[in-house]
């Protein structure tokens, strides 16, 4: 699996690429980094329209990963390669939960957990860009 990072992209473009692989997970980007098994403050969350170049120092490239890597390692790759601070969230009912307590789980394991607790919303869709549906 690959996520392409280009300076002319917006945060929502990276989120969309990830969402294709894991429809029951989402990623959010923040101005500051967080510790492993720690969360981030919603006030530090970057908007979907934020340009990538504002945070990458004009670095471009791609992040390759497999479903077997841990959430912590996935998040760390973005930080090390591009200076982007992200957090993985898992869908639970109609909200997204930060995966802070399960940073050692694999991406596949997080997605499987989300699928096991899947409850269809009235619309039957997941809005991975909704910044208000998380705890």
N, C-alpha and C. Protein backbone atom coordinates (compact mmCIF):
# COMPACT_ATOMS: atom_id res chain seq x y z
N UNK A 1 0.84 -1.17 0.00
CA UNK A 1 0.00 0.00 0.00
C UNK A 1 0.89 1.23 0.00
N UNK A 2 0.40 2.27 -0.65
CA UNK A 2 1.20 3.49 -0.81
C UNK A 2 0.30 4.71 -0.67
N UNK A 3 0.82 5.72 0.03
CA UNK A 3 0.19 7.03 0.06
C UNK A 3 1.19 8.01 -0.54
N UNK A 4 0.77 8.71 -1.58
CA UNK A 4 1.63 9.67 -2.28
C UNK A 4 1.47 11.03 -1.61
N UNK A 5 2.61 11.69 -1.38
CA UNK A 5 2.62 13.01 -0.75
C UNK A 5 3.24 14.00 -1.73
N UNK A 6 2.45 14.99 -2.14
CA UNK A 6 2.93 16.05 -3.04
C UNK A 6 2.58 17.40 -2.46
N UNK A 7 3.44 18.37 -2.74
CA UNK A 7 3.26 19.71 -2.17
C UNK A 7 1.98 20.40 -2.60
N UNK A 8 1.46 20.08 -3.77
CA UNK A 8 0.26 20.76 -4.24
C UNK A 8 -1.02 20.08 -3.75
N UNK A 9 -0.90 19.10 -2.86
CA UNK A 9 -2.06 18.42 -2.29
C UNK A 9 -2.51 19.12 -1.01
N UNK A 10 -3.72 18.78 -0.62
CA UNK A 10 -4.26 19.24 0.66
C UNK A 10 -4.35 18.04 1.61
N UNK A 11 -4.52 18.33 2.87
CA UNK A 11 -4.65 17.27 3.87
C UNK A 11 -5.74 16.27 3.47
N UNK A 12 -6.85 16.77 2.95
CA UNK A 12 -7.95 15.87 2.58
C UNK A 12 -7.53 14.88 1.51
N UNK A 13 -6.54 15.22 0.68
CA UNK A 13 -6.08 14.29 -0.36
C UNK A 13 -5.36 13.09 0.26
N UNK A 14 -4.58 13.33 1.31
CA UNK A 14 -3.90 12.23 2.00
C UNK A 14 -4.92 11.36 2.73
N UNK A 15 -5.89 12.01 3.35
CA UNK A 15 -6.93 11.27 4.07
C UNK A 15 -7.72 10.36 3.12
N UNK A 16 -8.00 10.87 1.94
CA UNK A 16 -8.76 10.10 0.95
C UNK A 16 -7.98 8.87 0.50
N UNK A 17 -6.67 9.03 0.28
CA UNK A 17 -5.85 7.89 -0.12
C UNK A 17 -5.87 6.79 0.94
N UNK A 18 -5.75 7.17 2.20
CA UNK A 18 -5.76 6.20 3.29
C UNK A 18 -7.13 5.53 3.39
N UNK A 19 -8.18 6.31 3.23
CA UNK A 19 -9.55 5.82 3.36
C UNK A 19 -9.87 4.73 2.33
N UNK A 20 -9.23 4.77 1.19
CA UNK A 20 -9.45 3.74 0.17
C UNK A 20 -9.02 2.37 0.70
N UNK A 21 -7.91 2.33 1.43
CA UNK A 21 -7.40 1.08 1.99
C UNK A 21 -8.19 0.64 3.23
N UNK A 22 -8.58 1.60 4.05
CA UNK A 22 -9.23 1.30 5.33
C UNK A 22 -10.47 2.18 5.51
N UNK A 23 -11.60 1.76 4.96
CA UNK A 23 -12.81 2.58 5.02
C UNK A 23 -13.38 2.80 6.43
N UNK A 24 -13.00 1.97 7.39
CA UNK A 24 -13.50 2.15 8.76
C UNK A 24 -12.48 2.82 9.68
N UNK A 25 -11.38 3.29 9.10
CA UNK A 25 -10.39 4.05 9.83
C UNK A 25 -10.25 5.41 9.17
N UNK A 26 -9.68 6.36 9.89
CA UNK A 26 -9.35 7.63 9.27
C UNK A 26 -8.09 8.17 9.92
N UNK A 27 -7.46 9.10 9.24
CA UNK A 27 -6.29 9.77 9.79
C UNK A 27 -6.60 11.26 9.89
N UNK A 28 -6.08 11.86 10.95
CA UNK A 28 -6.18 13.30 11.15
C UNK A 28 -4.76 13.82 11.35
N UNK A 29 -4.53 15.03 10.89
CA UNK A 29 -3.21 15.65 10.98
C UNK A 29 -3.25 16.80 11.99
N UNK A 30 -2.13 16.96 12.70
CA UNK A 30 -2.05 17.93 13.79
C UNK A 30 -0.80 18.80 13.67
N UNK A 31 -0.87 19.98 14.25
CA UNK A 31 0.27 20.89 14.27
C UNK A 31 1.41 20.37 15.14
N UNK A 32 1.08 19.61 16.18
CA UNK A 32 2.08 19.10 17.11
C UNK A 32 2.04 17.58 17.13
N UNK A 33 3.15 16.98 17.51
CA UNK A 33 3.19 15.52 17.59
C UNK A 33 2.66 15.06 18.94
N UNK A 34 2.37 13.78 19.02
CA UNK A 34 1.91 13.19 20.26
C UNK A 34 2.82 12.02 20.61
N UNK A 35 2.81 11.65 21.88
CA UNK A 35 3.59 10.49 22.32
C UNK A 35 2.87 9.22 21.92
N UNK A 36 3.63 8.12 21.84
CA UNK A 36 3.01 6.81 21.61
C UNK A 36 2.03 6.57 22.75
N UNK A 37 0.85 6.06 22.41
CA UNK A 37 -0.24 5.84 23.35
C UNK A 37 -0.79 7.14 23.95
N UNK A 38 -0.47 8.26 23.31
CA UNK A 38 -1.00 9.55 23.75
C UNK A 38 -1.82 10.18 22.65
N UNK A 39 -2.71 11.06 23.04
CA UNK A 39 -3.57 11.72 22.07
C UNK A 39 -3.09 13.11 21.74
N UNK A 40 -3.90 13.80 21.00
CA UNK A 40 -3.60 15.17 20.60
C UNK A 40 -4.84 16.00 20.83
N UNK A 41 -4.66 17.28 21.02
CA UNK A 41 -5.76 18.18 21.27
C UNK A 41 -6.44 18.55 19.96
N UNK A 42 -7.76 18.53 19.95
CA UNK A 42 -8.52 18.84 18.74
C UNK A 42 -8.21 20.24 18.21
N UNK A 43 -7.85 21.15 19.10
CA UNK A 43 -7.53 22.51 18.66
C UNK A 43 -6.26 22.56 17.80
N UNK A 44 -5.45 21.50 17.85
CA UNK A 44 -4.24 21.40 17.04
C UNK A 44 -4.47 20.70 15.69
N UNK A 45 -5.70 20.28 15.43
CA UNK A 45 -6.02 19.55 14.21
C UNK A 45 -5.96 20.50 13.01
N UNK A 46 -5.33 20.02 11.93
CA UNK A 46 -5.26 20.79 10.69
C UNK A 46 -6.55 20.63 9.90
N UNK A 47 -6.96 21.69 9.24
CA UNK A 47 -8.18 21.62 8.43
C UNK A 47 -7.93 20.78 7.18
N UNK A 48 -8.98 20.29 6.61
CA UNK A 48 -8.90 19.47 5.39
C UNK A 48 -8.29 20.24 4.23
N UNK A 49 -8.44 21.56 4.22
CA UNK A 49 -7.96 22.39 3.12
C UNK A 49 -6.51 22.87 3.31
N UNK A 50 -5.86 22.47 4.38
CA UNK A 50 -4.47 22.85 4.62
C UNK A 50 -3.59 22.26 3.53
N UNK A 51 -2.73 23.10 2.96
CA UNK A 51 -1.81 22.63 1.93
C UNK A 51 -0.66 21.84 2.56
N UNK A 52 -0.31 20.74 1.94
CA UNK A 52 0.76 19.88 2.44
C UNK A 52 2.07 20.65 2.55
N UNK A 53 2.36 21.48 1.56
CA UNK A 53 3.64 22.21 1.54
C UNK A 53 3.84 23.09 2.76
N UNK A 54 2.76 23.46 3.44
CA UNK A 54 2.87 24.30 4.63
C UNK A 54 3.51 23.55 5.79
N UNK A 55 3.57 22.22 5.71
CA UNK A 55 4.10 21.42 6.82
C UNK A 55 5.22 20.46 6.44
N UNK A 56 5.49 20.29 5.16
CA UNK A 56 6.48 19.29 4.76
C UNK A 56 7.85 19.86 4.44
N UNK A 57 7.97 21.18 4.40
CA UNK A 57 9.25 21.75 3.98
C UNK A 57 9.55 21.40 2.54
N UNK A 58 8.51 21.32 1.71
CA UNK A 58 8.60 21.02 0.28
C UNK A 58 9.11 19.61 -0.02
N UNK A 59 9.02 18.70 0.94
CA UNK A 59 9.38 17.30 0.68
C UNK A 59 8.21 16.63 -0.01
N UNK A 60 8.53 15.81 -1.00
CA UNK A 60 7.52 15.01 -1.69
C UNK A 60 7.99 13.56 -1.71
N UNK A 61 7.07 12.67 -1.94
CA UNK A 61 7.43 11.26 -2.03
C UNK A 61 6.24 10.40 -1.73
N UNK A 62 6.50 9.26 -1.11
CA UNK A 62 5.42 8.35 -0.78
C UNK A 62 5.74 7.60 0.50
N UNK A 63 4.71 7.16 1.14
CA UNK A 63 4.83 6.33 2.33
C UNK A 63 4.30 4.96 1.96
N UNK A 64 5.19 3.97 2.01
CA UNK A 64 4.79 2.59 1.75
C UNK A 64 4.54 1.91 3.09
N UNK A 65 3.51 1.08 3.13
CA UNK A 65 3.18 0.38 4.36
C UNK A 65 2.37 -0.86 4.05
N UNK A 66 2.30 -1.73 5.02
CA UNK A 66 1.46 -2.92 4.90
C UNK A 66 0.48 -2.90 6.07
N UNK A 67 -0.52 -3.73 5.98
CA UNK A 67 -1.51 -3.79 7.04
C UNK A 67 -0.98 -4.37 8.33
N UNK A 68 0.18 -5.00 8.27
CA UNK A 68 0.73 -5.63 9.46
C UNK A 68 1.56 -4.68 10.33
N UNK A 69 1.84 -3.46 9.84
CA UNK A 69 2.62 -2.55 10.68
C UNK A 69 1.72 -1.96 11.76
N UNK A 70 2.34 -1.59 12.86
CA UNK A 70 1.57 -1.03 13.97
C UNK A 70 1.11 0.39 13.64
N UNK A 71 0.08 0.81 14.33
CA UNK A 71 -0.40 2.18 14.19
C UNK A 71 0.73 3.15 14.52
N UNK A 72 1.47 2.88 15.60
CA UNK A 72 2.57 3.76 16.00
C UNK A 72 3.62 3.88 14.90
N UNK A 73 3.97 2.77 14.26
CA UNK A 73 4.97 2.81 13.19
C UNK A 73 4.44 3.57 11.98
N UNK A 74 3.17 3.37 11.63
CA UNK A 74 2.58 4.10 10.51
C UNK A 74 2.63 5.60 10.77
N UNK A 75 2.24 6.01 11.96
CA UNK A 75 2.26 7.43 12.31
C UNK A 75 3.68 7.98 12.30
N UNK A 76 4.62 7.18 12.78
CA UNK A 76 6.02 7.59 12.84
C UNK A 76 6.61 7.79 11.44
N UNK A 77 6.23 6.97 10.48
CA UNK A 77 6.74 7.11 9.12
C UNK A 77 6.41 8.48 8.53
N UNK A 78 5.19 8.95 8.74
CA UNK A 78 4.81 10.26 8.24
C UNK A 78 5.61 11.36 8.92
N UNK A 79 5.82 11.21 10.20
CA UNK A 79 6.58 12.20 10.95
C UNK A 79 8.03 12.25 10.49
N UNK A 80 8.66 11.09 10.36
CA UNK A 80 10.08 11.03 9.97
C UNK A 80 10.30 11.47 8.53
N UNK A 81 9.43 11.03 7.61
CA UNK A 81 9.64 11.33 6.20
C UNK A 81 9.23 12.74 5.80
N UNK A 82 8.16 13.24 6.42
CA UNK A 82 7.59 14.50 5.95
C UNK A 82 7.33 15.54 7.04
N UNK A 83 7.58 15.20 8.29
CA UNK A 83 7.29 16.13 9.36
C UNK A 83 5.80 16.32 9.60
N UNK A 84 5.00 15.37 9.14
CA UNK A 84 3.55 15.44 9.32
C UNK A 84 3.15 14.62 10.55
N UNK A 85 2.42 15.25 11.44
CA UNK A 85 1.97 14.60 12.67
C UNK A 85 0.54 14.11 12.47
N UNK A 86 0.38 12.80 12.53
CA UNK A 86 -0.96 12.27 12.32
C UNK A 86 -1.34 11.30 13.42
N UNK A 87 -2.64 11.08 13.50
CA UNK A 87 -3.23 10.15 14.45
C UNK A 87 -4.24 9.30 13.70
N UNK A 88 -4.21 8.00 13.94
CA UNK A 88 -5.19 7.09 13.35
C UNK A 88 -6.41 7.04 14.27
N UNK A 89 -7.58 7.05 13.66
CA UNK A 89 -8.86 6.93 14.37
C UNK A 89 -9.60 5.71 13.83
N UNK A 90 -10.36 5.06 14.74
CA UNK A 90 -11.14 3.88 14.38
C UNK A 90 -12.63 4.18 14.53
N UNK A 91 -13.41 3.79 13.55
CA UNK A 91 -14.86 4.00 13.58
C UNK A 91 -15.49 3.07 14.59
N UNK A 92 -16.36 3.62 15.42
CA UNK A 92 -17.11 2.85 16.39
C UNK A 92 -18.52 3.43 16.43
N UNK A 93 -19.46 2.73 15.84
CA UNK A 93 -20.81 3.28 15.71
C UNK A 93 -20.78 4.47 14.77
N UNK A 94 -21.23 5.63 15.25
CA UNK A 94 -21.22 6.81 14.39
C UNK A 94 -20.16 7.83 14.80
N UNK A 95 -19.18 7.40 15.61
CA UNK A 95 -18.07 8.29 15.98
C UNK A 95 -16.74 7.61 15.67
N UNK A 96 -15.69 8.41 15.68
CA UNK A 96 -14.34 7.90 15.52
C UNK A 96 -13.61 8.04 16.85
N UNK A 97 -12.91 6.99 17.24
CA UNK A 97 -12.13 6.97 18.47
C UNK A 97 -10.65 7.06 18.15
N UNK A 98 -9.93 7.87 18.91
CA UNK A 98 -8.48 7.87 18.77
C UNK A 98 -7.96 6.50 19.16
N UNK A 99 -6.96 6.03 18.47
CA UNK A 99 -6.42 4.70 18.76
C UNK A 99 -5.25 4.76 19.73
N UNK A 100 -5.29 5.72 20.63
CA UNK A 100 -4.16 5.94 21.53
C UNK A 100 -3.85 4.73 22.40
N UNK A 101 -4.86 4.01 22.84
CA UNK A 101 -4.63 2.85 23.69
C UNK A 101 -4.24 1.60 22.94
N UNK A 102 -4.30 1.68 21.61
CA UNK A 102 -3.99 0.50 20.79
C UNK A 102 -2.96 0.84 19.72
N UNK A 103 -2.03 1.73 20.03
CA UNK A 103 -0.98 2.09 19.07
C UNK A 103 -0.11 0.91 18.67
N UNK A 104 -0.11 -0.13 19.50
CA UNK A 104 0.69 -1.31 19.16
C UNK A 104 -0.06 -2.29 18.26
N UNK A 105 -1.34 -2.06 18.01
CA UNK A 105 -2.10 -2.90 17.10
C UNK A 105 -1.70 -2.61 15.66
N UNK A 106 -1.87 -3.58 14.80
CA UNK A 106 -1.62 -3.36 13.37
C UNK A 106 -2.80 -2.59 12.77
N UNK A 107 -2.55 -2.00 11.61
CA UNK A 107 -3.64 -1.31 10.90
C UNK A 107 -4.76 -2.29 10.57
N UNK A 108 -4.40 -3.50 10.14
CA UNK A 108 -5.41 -4.51 9.84
C UNK A 108 -6.24 -4.86 11.07
N UNK A 109 -5.58 -4.96 12.21
CA UNK A 109 -6.28 -5.29 13.45
C UNK A 109 -7.25 -4.17 13.84
N UNK A 110 -6.83 -2.92 13.69
CA UNK A 110 -7.71 -1.78 13.97
C UNK A 110 -8.93 -1.81 13.06
N UNK A 111 -8.69 -2.09 11.77
CA UNK A 111 -9.80 -2.11 10.82
C UNK A 111 -10.75 -3.26 11.13
N UNK A 112 -10.21 -4.40 11.48
CA UNK A 112 -11.04 -5.56 11.83
C UNK A 112 -11.90 -5.24 13.05
N UNK A 113 -11.33 -4.57 14.02
CA UNK A 113 -12.09 -4.18 15.21
C UNK A 113 -13.22 -3.22 14.84
N UNK A 114 -12.93 -2.28 13.96
CA UNK A 114 -13.96 -1.33 13.52
C UNK A 114 -15.08 -2.06 12.79
N UNK A 115 -14.73 -3.02 11.96
CA UNK A 115 -15.74 -3.78 11.23
C UNK A 115 -16.62 -4.60 12.18
N UNK A 116 -16.03 -5.11 13.24
CA UNK A 116 -16.79 -5.94 14.18
C UNK A 116 -17.81 -5.12 14.96
N UNK A 117 -17.59 -3.82 15.08
CA UNK A 117 -18.54 -2.98 15.80
C UNK A 117 -19.32 -2.07 14.85
N UNK A 118 -19.31 -2.43 13.59
CA UNK A 118 -19.95 -1.60 12.57
C UNK A 118 -21.46 -1.51 12.80
N UNK A 119 -21.92 -0.29 12.85
CA UNK A 119 -23.35 -0.02 12.93
C UNK A 119 -23.65 0.96 11.82
N UNK A 120 -24.56 0.59 10.93
CA UNK A 120 -24.86 1.47 9.80
C UNK A 120 -25.56 2.73 10.29
N UNK A 121 -25.07 3.84 9.79
CA UNK A 121 -25.73 5.11 10.08
C UNK A 121 -26.96 5.24 9.19
N UNK A 122 -27.75 6.23 9.45
CA UNK A 122 -28.97 6.43 8.65
C UNK A 122 -28.64 6.59 7.18
N UNK A 123 -27.54 7.26 6.88
CA UNK A 123 -27.15 7.45 5.49
C UNK A 123 -26.43 6.24 4.93
N UNK A 124 -25.90 5.39 5.80
CA UNK A 124 -25.19 4.21 5.35
C UNK A 124 -23.79 4.52 4.82
N UNK A 125 -23.27 5.72 5.10
CA UNK A 125 -21.94 6.09 4.62
C UNK A 125 -21.10 6.58 5.78
N UNK A 126 -19.81 6.59 5.58
CA UNK A 126 -18.87 7.09 6.55
C UNK A 126 -18.23 8.35 6.01
N UNK A 127 -18.29 9.42 6.79
CA UNK A 127 -17.67 10.67 6.37
C UNK A 127 -16.31 10.78 7.05
N UNK A 128 -15.27 10.37 6.35
CA UNK A 128 -13.93 10.37 6.94
C UNK A 128 -13.35 11.77 7.05
N UNK A 129 -14.04 12.78 6.55
CA UNK A 129 -13.55 14.15 6.66
C UNK A 129 -14.22 14.91 7.80
N UNK A 130 -15.17 14.28 8.50
CA UNK A 130 -15.89 14.95 9.56
C UNK A 130 -14.99 15.13 10.77
N UNK A 131 -14.68 16.37 11.10
CA UNK A 131 -13.77 16.69 12.20
C UNK A 131 -14.47 16.69 13.54
N UNK A 132 -15.81 16.67 13.58
CA UNK A 132 -16.53 16.76 14.83
C UNK A 132 -16.91 15.42 15.44
N UNK A 133 -16.81 14.37 14.68
CA UNK A 133 -17.21 13.06 15.18
C UNK A 133 -16.02 12.25 15.69
N UNK A 134 -15.46 12.70 16.80
CA UNK A 134 -14.39 11.94 17.43
C UNK A 134 -14.35 12.26 18.90
N UNK A 135 -13.80 11.37 19.66
CA UNK A 135 -13.64 11.55 21.10
C UNK A 135 -12.23 11.25 21.50
